[in-house]
Amino acid sequence: MDEALVLLKKLWSGEEEFQGKHFKVTGKVYPEPTQPGGPPIWVGGTIRRSVQRAAELGDGWYGATQYHIEVIKRQADHYRALLSAKGQDPSDATVAINRIAFVAETDTRARTEGKLYVSQVLDFYGRMGLLQDGRGNRLDPQTDLFEAVGDEICLVGSPENILESIHKYQELAGVTQFNLRISMGNMPLQLVQRTVTLLGKHVLPYC
């Protein structure tokens, strides 16, 4: 992985040859990236090496869909500390996360209508043993995971509730970018459209 990131950055910067332990490449990349040096690379992962790799070779740290907010906070804090040790301004760090998002006019309606679709995603991660609580204990996949998790893992509710959760992530873990997963399983298009509309009108203007 380390060598692959070096390879990508070198080729995206216009170099025409790379000779490494795992990769050997001759020739330029076409088409060349629109952005000088190529697109930013966000490095994810929950282990210590992940944030070391992000600080050394990446352009940000990325938290996946199932990461608990406590994991995000721990990794983000470590990532910023490593950047600071390198002489970089940690306040400029990119900490991006992916969150399930289902939005309705009220919290009750969002939870009632969203449970079926959000549960499909949570149950998948639960069966893989990838859902944990704030102390790192795996959540029992046989339980009602939708009721077991809160905004520490997914965002379900009214626009006001979603905005409050976003501010929580910003204040607790310094999250700078949210990628919201708004379509799940066989979810009807009109529910996706409602989430997009409510986020656009009542959440994004305040972020």
Protein backbone atom coordinates (compact mmCIF):
# COMPACT_ATOMS: atom_id res chain seq x y z
CA MET A 1 0.00 0.00 0.00
CA ASP A 2 2.77 2.43 0.88
CA GLU A 3 4.55 1.84 -2.41
CA ALA A 4 1.29 2.04 -4.36
CA LEU A 5 0.59 5.51 -2.94
CA VAL A 6 4.11 6.68 -3.85
CA LEU A 7 3.66 5.22 -7.34
CA LEU A 8 0.37 7.00 -7.91
CA LYS A 9 1.67 10.37 -6.79
CA LYS A 10 4.79 10.09 -8.95
CA LEU A 11 2.89 9.06 -12.08
CA TRP A 12 0.22 11.70 -11.51
CA SER A 13 3.03 14.28 -11.21
CA GLY A 14 4.29 13.40 -14.70
CA GLU A 15 7.13 10.98 -14.01
CA GLU A 16 7.55 8.33 -16.69
CA GLU A 17 9.20 5.52 -14.77
CA PHE A 18 8.89 3.85 -11.39
CA GLN A 19 11.02 0.98 -10.14
CA GLY A 20 9.98 -0.31 -6.72
CA LYS A 21 9.93 -3.55 -4.78
CA HIS A 22 6.35 -4.37 -5.77
CA PHE A 23 5.68 -2.18 -8.82
CA LYS A 24 7.68 -1.49 -11.97
CA VAL A 25 6.15 0.97 -14.43
CA THR A 26 7.47 2.55 -17.62
CA GLY A 27 5.56 5.23 -19.49
CA LYS A 28 3.38 8.22 -18.66
CA VAL A 29 -0.19 8.16 -17.41
CA TYR A 30 -2.78 9.29 -19.94
CA PRO A 31 -4.93 11.26 -19.66
CA GLU A 32 -3.06 13.38 -17.16
CA PRO A 33 -4.97 14.41 -14.03
CA THR A 34 -6.83 17.72 -14.16
CA GLN A 35 -5.43 18.67 -10.76
CA PRO A 36 -1.66 19.25 -10.60
CA GLY A 37 -0.12 16.25 -8.88
CA GLY A 38 -3.33 14.29 -9.17
CA PRO A 39 -6.43 14.01 -6.98
CA PRO A 40 -6.04 14.02 -3.19
CA ILE A 41 -5.74 10.60 -1.57
CA TRP A 42 -7.64 9.92 1.64
CA VAL A 43 -6.24 6.98 3.59
CA GLY A 44 -8.65 5.02 5.79
CA GLY A 45 -8.25 2.43 8.49
CA THR A 46 -8.62 1.88 12.23
CA ILE A 47 -5.10 0.77 13.16
CA ARG A 48 -2.18 3.03 14.07
CA ARG A 49 -0.41 2.43 10.77
CA SER A 50 -3.42 3.81 8.92
CA VAL A 51 -3.02 7.32 10.28
CA GLN A 52 0.76 7.12 9.94
CA ARG A 53 0.26 6.29 6.27
CA ALA A 54 -2.25 9.11 5.92
CA ALA A 55 0.18 11.62 7.43
CA GLU A 56 3.20 10.38 5.48
CA LEU A 57 1.75 9.58 2.08
CA GLY A 58 -1.84 10.78 1.92
CA ASP A 59 -3.82 13.99 1.88
CA GLY A 60 -6.37 13.18 4.56
CA TRP A 61 -7.74 10.46 6.84
CA TYR A 62 -11.01 8.77 5.94
CA GLY A 63 -13.50 7.06 8.26
CA ALA A 64 -15.70 4.35 6.75
CA THR A 65 -19.46 3.83 7.12
CA GLN A 66 -19.30 1.54 10.15
CA TYR A 67 -16.66 3.38 12.21
CA HIS A 68 -17.93 4.46 15.62
CA ILE A 69 -17.45 8.14 16.45
CA GLU A 70 -14.96 7.17 19.19
CA VAL A 71 -12.79 5.44 16.58
CA ILE A 72 -13.05 8.50 14.36
CA LYS A 73 -12.03 10.78 17.23
CA ARG A 74 -9.05 8.59 18.21
CA GLN A 75 -7.74 8.31 14.66
CA ALA A 76 -8.34 11.99 13.87
CA ASP A 77 -6.50 13.08 17.03
CA HIS A 78 -3.57 10.81 16.20
CA TYR A 79 -3.53 11.98 12.58
CA ARG A 80 -3.39 15.64 13.57
CA ALA A 81 -0.66 14.94 16.12
CA LEU A 82 1.47 13.29 13.44
CA LEU A 83 0.96 16.22 11.08
CA SER A 84 1.95 18.63 13.84
CA ALA A 85 5.11 16.61 14.51
CA LYS A 86 5.98 17.01 10.81
CA GLY A 87 5.64 20.78 11.11
CA GLN A 88 2.30 20.92 9.30
CA ASP A 89 -0.69 22.87 10.54
CA PRO A 90 -3.13 20.28 11.93
CA SER A 91 -6.00 22.75 11.59
CA ASP A 92 -5.71 22.32 7.82
CA ALA A 93 -6.08 18.53 8.05
CA THR A 94 -8.80 16.76 6.10
CA VAL A 95 -10.80 14.30 8.20
CA ALA A 96 -13.58 12.87 6.07
CA ILE A 97 -16.19 10.31 7.06
CA ASN A 98 -18.93 8.31 5.41
CA ARG A 99 -22.29 8.16 7.20
CA ILE A 100 -25.63 6.55 6.43
CA ALA A 101 -28.23 9.32 6.26
CA PHE A 102 -32.02 9.06 6.19
CA VAL A 103 -33.93 12.30 6.65
CA ALA A 104 -37.63 13.05 7.09
CA GLU A 105 -39.64 15.98 8.37
CA THR A 106 -39.67 14.58 11.92
CA ASP A 107 -37.46 12.23 13.93
CA THR A 108 -40.33 9.78 14.40
CA ARG A 109 -41.11 9.61 10.70
CA ALA A 110 -37.44 9.20 9.80
CA ARG A 111 -36.97 6.31 12.20
CA THR A 112 -40.25 4.64 11.23
CA GLU A 113 -39.72 4.89 7.49
CA GLY A 114 -35.96 4.51 7.48
CA LYS A 115 -35.53 1.50 9.72
CA LEU A 116 -36.08 -1.09 6.97
CA TYR A 117 -33.47 0.42 4.65
CA VAL A 118 -30.89 1.55 7.18
CA SER A 119 -31.07 -1.86 8.86
CA GLN A 120 -30.04 -3.54 5.61
CA VAL A 121 -26.70 -1.75 5.76
CA LEU A 122 -26.22 -2.14 9.51
CA ASP A 123 -27.10 -5.84 9.38
CA PHE A 124 -24.53 -6.39 6.63
CA TYR A 125 -21.76 -4.86 8.71
CA GLY A 126 -23.04 -6.68 11.79
CA ARG A 127 -22.82 -10.08 10.09
CA MET A 128 -19.22 -9.24 9.13
CA GLY A 129 -18.44 -8.43 12.77
CA LEU A 130 -17.60 -4.84 11.85
CA LEU A 131 -20.02 -2.92 14.08
CA GLN A 132 -18.66 -1.96 17.49
CA ASP A 133 -19.67 0.17 20.43
CA GLY A 134 -17.60 3.05 21.76
CA ARG A 135 -15.32 0.71 23.74
CA GLY A 136 -14.51 -1.48 20.76
CA ASN A 137 -16.86 -4.36 21.65
CA ARG A 138 -18.55 -6.02 18.72
CA LEU A 139 -22.29 -5.53 18.54
CA ASP A 140 -24.32 -8.75 18.48
CA PRO A 141 -25.65 -9.15 14.92
CA GLN A 142 -28.68 -10.98 16.31
CA THR A 143 -29.90 -7.83 18.05
CA ASP A 144 -31.88 -4.98 16.52
CA LEU A 145 -28.87 -3.00 15.33
CA PHE A 146 -31.00 -0.07 14.21
CA GLU A 147 -32.14 0.43 17.78
CA ALA A 148 -28.71 -0.39 19.21
CA VAL A 149 -26.76 2.31 17.38
CA GLY A 150 -27.24 6.06 17.44
CA ASP A 151 -25.72 8.96 15.56
CA GLU A 152 -22.33 7.57 16.59
CA ILE A 153 -22.69 5.39 13.48
CA CYS A 154 -25.61 6.61 11.35
CA LEU A 155 -27.67 9.79 10.92
CA VAL A 156 -31.42 9.22 10.99
CA GLY A 157 -33.87 11.97 11.86
CA SER A 158 -35.20 15.41 11.11
CA PRO A 159 -32.97 18.07 9.52
CA GLU A 160 -32.53 19.65 12.96
CA ASN A 161 -31.40 16.32 14.39
CA ILE A 162 -28.99 15.71 11.51
CA LEU A 163 -27.47 19.17 11.85
CA GLU A 164 -26.97 18.65 15.58
CA SER A 165 -25.20 15.36 14.88
CA ILE A 166 -22.96 16.96 12.27
CA HIS A 167 -21.93 19.63 14.76
CA LYS A 168 -21.21 16.85 17.27
CA TYR A 169 -18.79 15.21 14.83
CA GLN A 170 -17.16 18.54 14.09
CA GLU A 171 -16.69 19.45 17.75
CA LEU A 172 -15.74 16.03 19.11
CA ALA A 173 -13.58 14.67 16.29
CA GLY A 174 -12.84 17.67 14.07
CA VAL A 175 -14.51 16.11 11.04
CA THR A 176 -14.16 18.42 8.04
CA GLN A 177 -16.10 16.56 5.36
CA PHE A 178 -19.17 14.32 5.39
CA ASN A 179 -19.98 11.90 2.60
CA LEU A 180 -23.61 10.90 3.17
CA ARG A 181 -24.87 7.54 1.97
CA ILE A 182 -28.48 8.36 1.10
CA SER A 183 -29.63 5.35 -0.93
CA MET A 184 -29.73 1.87 0.57
CA GLY A 185 -30.86 -1.47 -0.81
CA ASN A 186 -34.23 -1.27 -2.57
CA MET A 187 -35.08 2.13 -1.09
CA PRO A 188 -37.69 4.00 -3.20
CA LEU A 189 -36.37 6.93 -5.19
CA GLN A 190 -38.82 9.36 -3.60
CA LEU A 191 -37.28 8.73 -0.18
CA VAL A 192 -33.82 9.42 -1.59
CA GLN A 193 -35.11 12.61 -3.16
CA ARG A 194 -36.67 13.71 0.13
CA THR A 195 -33.37 13.24 1.96
CA VAL A 196 -31.53 15.24 -0.70
CA THR A 197 -34.12 18.04 -0.59
CA LEU A 198 -34.23 18.31 3.21
CA LEU A 199 -30.44 18.24 3.48
CA GLY A 200 -30.11 20.89 0.78
CA LYS A 201 -32.69 23.23 2.29
CA HIS A 202 -32.20 22.80 6.02
CA VAL A 203 -28.74 21.33 6.69
CA LEU A 204 -26.12 22.32 4.11
CA PRO A 205 -26.71 26.11 4.46
CA TYR A 206 -25.63 25.84 8.10
CA CYS A 207 -22.50 23.73 7.58
